Amino acid sequence: MEYLEFIYSGGTKNETFLKFFKELSKAMEEKYPDKKLVFVLDNLWAHKSSLIVDYIKFKKHLSLLLTPSNTP
């Protein structure tokens, strides 16, 4: 996974985060093939974009949990 590519060249754009999230979820699915995976993210706009929500909708074993705004 190209973490530095995400941090330095892509920044936090919806498409860039989706690419990162797909790579991350694929790696987690390979490591835990029989588990339901829950990703806990903050309320950054890229984390709750329609791209991420739509991607998770079609993956029955993935869930997204967003933390409330202004949570430390």
PDB file of N, CA and C in Angstrom:
ATOM      1  N   MET A   1       0.839  -1.175   0.000  1.00  0.00           N
ATOM      2  CA  MET A   1       0.000   0.000   0.000  1.00  0.00           C
ATOM      3  C   MET A   1       0.885   1.240   0.000  1.00  0.00           C
ATOM      4  N   GLU A   2       0.512   2.192  -0.796  1.00  0.00           N
ATOM      5  CA  GLU A   2       1.316   3.397  -0.933  1.00  0.00           C
ATOM      6  C   GLU A   2       0.803   4.504  -0.018  1.00  0.00           C
ATOM      7  N   TYR A   3       1.133   4.400   1.261  1.00  0.00           N
ATOM      8  CA  TYR A   3       0.658   5.397   2.221  1.00  0.00           C
ATOM      9  C   TYR A   3       1.194   6.781   1.896  1.00  0.00           C
ATOM     10  N   LEU A   4       2.472   6.863   1.545  1.00  0.00           N
ATOM     11  CA  LEU A   4       3.052   8.173   1.278  1.00  0.00           C
ATOM     12  C   LEU A   4       2.423   8.818   0.052  1.00  0.00           C
ATOM     13  N   GLU A   5       2.044   8.024  -0.928  1.00  0.00           N
ATOM     14  CA  GLU A   5       1.362   8.565  -2.099  1.00  0.00           C
ATOM     15  C   GLU A   5       0.062   9.231  -1.663  1.00  0.00           C
ATOM     16  N   PHE A   6      -0.667   8.580  -0.789  1.00  0.00           N
ATOM     17  CA  PHE A   6      -1.924   9.135  -0.299  1.00  0.00           C
ATOM     18  C   PHE A   6      -1.692  10.436   0.461  1.00  0.00           C
ATOM     19  N   ILE A   7      -0.697  10.447   1.313  1.00  0.00           N
ATOM     20  CA  ILE A   7      -0.459  11.609   2.166  1.00  0.00           C
ATOM     21  C   ILE A   7       0.088  12.791   1.368  1.00  0.00           C
ATOM     22  N   TYR A   8       1.059  12.536   0.497  1.00  0.00           N
ATOM     23  CA  TYR A   8       1.749  13.647  -0.144  1.00  0.00           C
ATOM     24  C   TYR A   8       1.225  14.028  -1.527  1.00  0.00           C
ATOM     25  N   SER A   9       0.888  13.079  -2.355  1.00  0.00           N
ATOM     26  CA  SER A   9       0.523  13.457  -3.716  1.00  0.00           C
ATOM     27  C   SER A   9      -0.982  13.618  -3.901  1.00  0.00           C
ATOM     28  N   GLY A  10      -1.771  12.856  -3.150  1.00  0.00           N
ATOM     29  CA  GLY A  10      -3.205  12.916  -3.375  1.00  0.00           C
ATOM     30  C   GLY A  10      -3.926  13.868  -2.457  1.00  0.00           C
ATOM     31  N   GLY A  11      -3.476  13.980  -1.243  1.00  0.00           N
ATOM     32  CA  GLY A  11      -4.200  14.793  -0.278  1.00  0.00           C
ATOM     33  C   GLY A  11      -5.527  14.152   0.066  1.00  0.00           C
ATOM     34  N   THR A  12      -6.402  14.924   0.622  1.00  0.00           N
ATOM     35  CA  THR A  12      -7.695  14.373   1.013  1.00  0.00           C
ATOM     36  C   THR A  12      -8.754  14.821   0.019  1.00  0.00           C
ATOM     37  N   LYS A  13      -8.804  14.120  -1.085  1.00  0.00           N
ATOM     38  CA  LYS A  13      -9.863  14.312  -2.065  1.00  0.00           C
ATOM     39  C   LYS A  13     -10.730  13.064  -2.010  1.00  0.00           C
ATOM     40  N   ASN A  14     -11.976  13.179  -2.374  1.00  0.00           N
ATOM     41  CA  ASN A  14     -12.874  12.023  -2.323  1.00  0.00           C
ATOM     42  C   ASN A  14     -12.317  10.840  -3.101  1.00  0.00           C
ATOM     43  N   GLU A  15     -11.837  11.082  -4.313  1.00  0.00           N
ATOM     44  CA  GLU A  15     -11.334  10.000  -5.153  1.00  0.00           C
ATOM     45  C   GLU A  15     -10.067   9.391  -4.577  1.00  0.00           C
ATOM     46  N   THR A  16      -9.192  10.224  -4.030  1.00  0.00           N
ATOM     47  CA  THR A  16      -7.940   9.747  -3.444  1.00  0.00           C
ATOM     48  C   THR A  16      -8.219   8.905  -2.210  1.00  0.00           C
ATOM     49  N   PHE A  17      -9.144   9.369  -1.373  1.00  0.00           N
ATOM     50  CA  PHE A  17      -9.471   8.597  -0.179  1.00  0.00           C
ATOM     51  C   PHE A  17     -10.150   7.287  -0.550  1.00  0.00           C
ATOM     52  N   LEU A  18     -10.999   7.298  -1.573  1.00  0.00           N
ATOM     53  CA  LEU A  18     -11.644   6.059  -2.011  1.00  0.00           C
ATOM     54  C   LEU A  18     -10.597   5.043  -2.452  1.00  0.00           C
ATOM     55  N   LYS A  19      -9.607   5.478  -3.205  1.00  0.00           N
ATOM     56  CA  LYS A  19      -8.532   4.574  -3.643  1.00  0.00           C
ATOM     57  C   LYS A  19      -7.822   3.975  -2.426  1.00  0.00           C
ATOM     58  N   PHE A  20      -7.470   4.832  -1.469  1.00  0.00           N
ATOM     59  CA  PHE A  20      -6.816   4.372  -0.247  1.00  0.00           C
ATOM     60  C   PHE A  20      -7.709   3.402   0.518  1.00  0.00           C
ATOM     61  N   PHE A  21      -8.993   3.742   0.647  1.00  0.00           N
ATOM     62  CA  PHE A  21      -9.924   2.919   1.407  1.00  0.00           C
ATOM     63  C   PHE A  21     -10.116   1.555   0.754  1.00  0.00           C
ATOM     64  N   LYS A  22     -10.186   1.519  -0.571  1.00  0.00           N
ATOM     65  CA  LYS A  22     -10.310   0.242  -1.277  1.00  0.00           C
ATOM     66  C   LYS A  22      -9.102  -0.646  -1.020  1.00  0.00           C
ATOM     67  N   GLU A  23      -7.904  -0.060  -1.056  1.00  0.00           N
ATOM     68  CA  GLU A  23      -6.688  -0.834  -0.782  1.00  0.00           C
ATOM     69  C   GLU A  23      -6.679  -1.340   0.656  1.00  0.00           C
ATOM     70  N   LEU A  24      -7.053  -0.482   1.575  1.00  0.00           N
ATOM     71  CA  LEU A  24      -7.090  -0.859   2.982  1.00  0.00           C
ATOM     72  C   LEU A  24      -8.116  -1.966   3.227  1.00  0.00           C
ATOM     73  N   SER A  25      -9.320  -1.805   2.697  1.00  0.00           N
ATOM     74  CA  SER A  25     -10.360  -2.815   2.932  1.00  0.00           C
ATOM     75  C   SER A  25      -9.985  -4.140   2.270  1.00  0.00           C
ATOM     76  N   LYS A  26      -9.357  -4.095   1.112  1.00  0.00           N
ATOM     77  CA  LYS A  26      -8.923  -5.333   0.447  1.00  0.00           C
ATOM     78  C   LYS A  26      -7.888  -6.061   1.311  1.00  0.00           C
ATOM     79  N   ALA A  27      -6.930  -5.313   1.859  1.00  0.00           N
ATOM     80  CA  ALA A  27      -5.915  -5.926   2.722  1.00  0.00           C
ATOM     81  C   ALA A  27      -6.544  -6.528   3.975  1.00  0.00           C
ATOM     82  N   MET A  28      -7.521  -5.826   4.545  1.00  0.00           N
ATOM     83  CA  MET A  28      -8.181  -6.338   5.740  1.00  0.00           C
ATOM     84  C   MET A  28      -9.044  -7.558   5.419  1.00  0.00           C
ATOM     85  N   GLU A  29      -9.696  -7.557   4.254  1.00  0.00           N
ATOM     86  CA  GLU A  29     -10.500  -8.708   3.838  1.00  0.00           C
ATOM     87  C   GLU A  29      -9.626  -9.944   3.643  1.00  0.00           C
ATOM     88  N   GLU A  30      -8.428  -9.746   3.113  1.00  0.00           N
ATOM     89  CA  GLU A  30      -7.505 -10.868   2.923  1.00  0.00           C
ATOM     90  C   GLU A  30      -7.020 -11.407   4.267  1.00  0.00           C
ATOM     91  N   LYS A  31      -6.779 -10.511   5.199  1.00  0.00           N
ATOM     92  CA  LYS A  31      -6.286 -10.930   6.515  1.00  0.00           C
ATOM     93  C   LYS A  31      -7.386 -11.575   7.352  1.00  0.00           C
ATOM     94  N   TYR A  32      -8.611 -11.077   7.234  1.00  0.00           N
ATOM     95  CA  TYR A  32      -9.742 -11.576   8.019  1.00  0.00           C
ATOM     96  C   TYR A  32     -10.890 -11.958   7.082  1.00  0.00           C
ATOM     97  N   PRO A  33     -10.741 -13.032   6.324  1.00  0.00           N
ATOM     98  CA  PRO A  33     -11.723 -13.362   5.286  1.00  0.00           C
ATOM     99  C   PRO A  33     -13.116 -13.725   5.808  1.00  0.00           C
ATOM    100  N   ASP A  34     -13.232 -14.216   7.009  1.00  0.00           N
ATOM    101  CA  ASP A  34     -14.526 -14.660   7.530  1.00  0.00           C
ATOM    102  C   ASP A  34     -15.128 -13.705   8.549  1.00  0.00           C
ATOM    103  N   LYS A  35     -14.635 -12.489   8.600  1.00  0.00           N
ATOM    104  CA  LYS A  35     -15.087 -11.525   9.608  1.00  0.00           C
ATOM    105  C   LYS A  35     -15.838 -10.369   8.971  1.00  0.00           C
ATOM    106  N   LYS A  36     -16.769  -9.807   9.744  1.00  0.00           N
ATOM    107  CA  LYS A  36     -17.408  -8.554   9.349  1.00  0.00           C
ATOM    108  C   LYS A  36     -16.478  -7.440   9.820  1.00  0.00           C
ATOM    109  N   LEU A  37     -16.136  -6.535   8.938  1.00  0.00           N
ATOM    110  CA  LEU A  37     -15.183  -5.477   9.251  1.00  0.00           C
ATOM    111  C   LEU A  37     -15.905  -4.157   9.467  1.00  0.00           C
ATOM    112  N   VAL A  38     -15.556  -3.474  10.543  1.00  0.00           N
ATOM    113  CA  VAL A  38     -16.140  -2.174  10.863  1.00  0.00           C
ATOM    114  C   VAL A  38     -15.007  -1.152  10.848  1.00  0.00           C
ATOM    115  N   PHE A  39     -15.154  -0.140  10.026  1.00  0.00           N
ATOM    116  CA  PHE A  39     -14.168   0.931   9.936  1.00  0.00           C
ATOM    117  C   PHE A  39     -14.706   2.139  10.681  1.00  0.00           C
ATOM    118  N   VAL A  40     -13.948   2.612  11.657  1.00  0.00           N
ATOM    119  CA  VAL A  40     -14.337   3.775  12.459  1.00  0.00           C
ATOM    120  C   VAL A  40     -13.565   4.974  11.919  1.00  0.00           C
ATOM    121  N   LEU A  41     -14.314   5.948  11.410  1.00  0.00           N
ATOM    122  CA  LEU A  41     -13.709   7.144  10.818  1.00  0.00           C
ATOM    123  C   LEU A  41     -14.326   8.381  11.451  1.00  0.00           C
ATOM    124  N   ASP A  42     -13.580   9.481  11.376  1.00  0.00           N
ATOM    125  CA  ASP A  42     -14.156  10.725  11.883  1.00  0.00           C
ATOM    126  C   ASP A  42     -15.079  11.311  10.813  1.00  0.00           C
ATOM    127  N   ASN A  43     -15.589  12.463  11.044  1.00  0.00           N
ATOM    128  CA  ASN A  43     -16.579  13.056  10.147  1.00  0.00           C
ATOM    129  C   ASN A  43     -15.978  13.910   9.033  1.00  0.00           C
ATOM    130  N   LEU A  44     -14.750  13.647   8.660  1.00  0.00           N
ATOM    131  CA  LEU A  44     -14.156  14.357   7.533  1.00  0.00           C
ATOM    132  C   LEU A  44     -15.030  14.130   6.306  1.00  0.00           C
ATOM    133  N   TRP A  45     -15.256  15.143   5.527  1.00  0.00           N
ATOM    134  CA  TRP A  45     -16.160  15.048   4.377  1.00  0.00           C
ATOM    135  C   TRP A  45     -15.776  13.928   3.427  1.00  0.00           C
ATOM    136  N   ALA A  46     -14.487  13.668   3.256  1.00  0.00           N
ATOM    137  CA  ALA A  46     -14.051  12.583   2.360  1.00  0.00           C
ATOM    138  C   ALA A  46     -14.395  11.213   2.931  1.00  0.00           C
ATOM    139  N   HIS A  47     -14.459  11.098   4.245  1.00  0.00           N
ATOM    140  CA  HIS A  47     -14.774   9.817   4.884  1.00  0.00           C
ATOM    141  C   HIS A  47     -16.238   9.438   4.729  1.00  0.00           C
ATOM    142  N   LYS A  48     -17.097  10.424   4.564  1.00  0.00           N
ATOM    143  CA  LYS A  48     -18.527  10.134   4.452  1.00  0.00           C
ATOM    144  C   LYS A  48     -19.085  10.531   3.082  1.00  0.00           C
ATOM    145  N   SER A  49     -18.200  10.627   2.107  1.00  0.00           N
ATOM    146  CA  SER A  49     -18.639  10.983   0.758  1.00  0.00           C
ATOM    147  C   SER A  49     -19.496   9.870   0.160  1.00  0.00           C
ATOM    148  N   SER A  50     -20.247  10.219  -0.861  1.00  0.00           N
ATOM    149  CA  SER A  50     -21.096   9.220  -1.513  1.00  0.00           C
ATOM    150  C   SER A  50     -20.257   8.109  -2.133  1.00  0.00           C
ATOM    151  N   LEU A  51     -19.031   8.403  -2.522  1.00  0.00           N
ATOM    152  CA  LEU A  51     -18.152   7.365  -3.081  1.00  0.00           C
ATOM    153  C   LEU A  51     -17.885   6.269  -2.051  1.00  0.00           C
ATOM    154  N   ILE A  52     -17.589   6.664  -0.813  1.00  0.00           N
ATOM    155  CA  ILE A  52     -17.312   5.689   0.247  1.00  0.00           C
ATOM    156  C   ILE A  52     -18.590   4.957   0.637  1.00  0.00           C
ATOM    157  N   VAL A  53     -19.666   5.700   0.826  1.00  0.00           N
ATOM    158  CA  VAL A  53     -20.938   5.095   1.233  1.00  0.00           C
ATOM    159  C   VAL A  53     -21.417   4.092   0.180  1.00  0.00           C
ATOM    160  N   ASP A  54     -21.334   4.457  -1.083  1.00  0.00           N
ATOM    161  CA  ASP A  54     -21.757   3.548  -2.150  1.00  0.00           C
ATOM    162  C   ASP A  54     -20.859   2.318  -2.227  1.00  0.00           C
ATOM    163  N   TYR A  55     -19.569   2.498  -2.039  1.00  0.00           N
ATOM    164  CA  TYR A  55     -18.644   1.365  -2.049  1.00  0.00           C
ATOM    165  C   TYR A  55     -18.990   0.372  -0.940  1.00  0.00           C
ATOM    166  N   ILE A  56     -19.272   0.880   0.252  1.00  0.00           N
ATOM    167  CA  ILE A  56     -19.574   0.017   1.396  1.00  0.00           C
ATOM    168  C   ILE A  56     -20.935  -0.657   1.237  1.00  0.00           C
ATOM    169  N   LYS A  57     -21.881   0.002   0.595  1.00  0.00           N
ATOM    170  CA  LYS A  57     -23.215  -0.570   0.390  1.00  0.00           C
ATOM    171  C   LYS A  57     -23.153  -1.924  -0.301  1.00  0.00           C
ATOM    172  N   PHE A  58     -22.250  -2.046  -1.244  1.00  0.00           N
ATOM    173  CA  PHE A  58     -22.164  -3.275  -2.042  1.00  0.00           C
ATOM    174  C   PHE A  58     -21.247  -4.322  -1.421  1.00  0.00           C
ATOM    175  N   LYS A  59     -20.650  -3.995  -0.302  1.00  0.00           N
ATOM    176  CA  LYS A  59     -19.796  -4.937   0.425  1.00  0.00           C
ATOM    177  C   LYS A  59     -20.517  -5.296   1.711  1.00  0.00           C
ATOM    178  N   LYS A  60     -21.236  -6.392   1.715  1.00  0.00           N
ATOM    179  CA  LYS A  60     -22.094  -6.761   2.844  1.00  0.00           C
ATOM    180  C   LYS A  60     -21.315  -6.997   4.136  1.00  0.00           C
ATOM    181  N   HIS A  61     -20.050  -7.321   4.049  1.00  0.00           N
ATOM    182  CA  HIS A  61     -19.257  -7.623   5.235  1.00  0.00           C
ATOM    183  C   HIS A  61     -18.482  -6.405   5.746  1.00  0.00           C
ATOM    184  N   LEU A  62     -18.699  -5.220   5.127  1.00  0.00           N
ATOM    185  CA  LEU A  62     -18.049  -3.988   5.578  1.00  0.00           C
ATOM    186  C   LEU A  62     -19.091  -3.048   6.176  1.00  0.00           C
ATOM    187  N   SER A  63     -18.702  -2.379   7.254  1.00  0.00           N
ATOM    188  CA  SER A  63     -19.557  -1.362   7.868  1.00  0.00           C
ATOM    189  C   SER A  63     -18.722  -0.126   8.149  1.00  0.00           C
ATOM    190  N   LEU A  64     -19.406   0.989   8.205  1.00  0.00           N
ATOM    191  CA  LEU A  64     -18.762   2.258   8.482  1.00  0.00           C
ATOM    192  C   LEU A  64     -19.392   2.857   9.726  1.00  0.00           C
ATOM    193  N   LEU A  65     -18.575   3.269  10.666  1.00  0.00           N
ATOM    194  CA  LEU A  65     -19.046   3.929  11.877  1.00  0.00           C
ATOM    195  C   LEU A  65     -18.346   5.285  11.936  1.00  0.00           C
ATOM    196  N   LEU A  66     -19.133   6.341  11.857  1.00  0.00           N
ATOM    197  CA  LEU A  66     -18.580   7.691  11.918  1.00  0.00           C
ATOM    198  C   LEU A  66     -18.694   8.242  13.333  1.00  0.00           C
ATOM    199  N   THR A  67     -17.633   8.820  13.828  1.00  0.00           N
ATOM    200  CA  THR A  67     -17.670   9.401  15.160  1.00  0.00           C
ATOM    201  C   THR A  67     -18.460  10.699  15.123  1.00  0.00           C
ATOM    202  N   PRO A  68     -19.084  11.084  16.231  1.00  0.00           N
ATOM    203  CA  PRO A  68     -19.824  12.344  16.268  1.00  0.00           C
ATOM    204  C   PRO A  68     -18.882  13.533  16.050  1.00  0.00           C
ATOM    205  N   SER A  69     -19.430  14.618  15.554  1.00  0.00           N
ATOM    206  CA  SER A  69     -18.638  15.842  15.346  1.00  0.00           C
ATOM    207  C   SER A  69     -18.058  16.323  16.665  1.00  0.00           C
ATOM    208  N   ASN A  70     -16.890  16.893  16.576  1.00  0.00           N
ATOM    209  CA  ASN A  70     -16.161  17.479  17.727  1.00  0.00           C
ATOM    210  C   ASN A  70     -15.866  16.465  18.822  1.00  0.00           C
ATOM    211  N   THR A  71     -15.692  15.211  18.454  1.00  0.00           N
ATOM    212  CA  THR A  71     -15.321  14.189  19.438  1.00  0.00           C
ATOM    213  C   THR A  71     -13.811  14.173  19.564  1.00  0.00           C
ATOM    214  N   PRO A  72     -13.286  14.256  20.776  1.00  0.00           N
ATOM    215  CA  PRO A  72     -11.828  14.246  20.929  1.00  0.00           C
ATOM    216  C   PRO A  72     -11.223  12.878  20.614  1.00  0.00           C
TER     217      PRO A  72
END
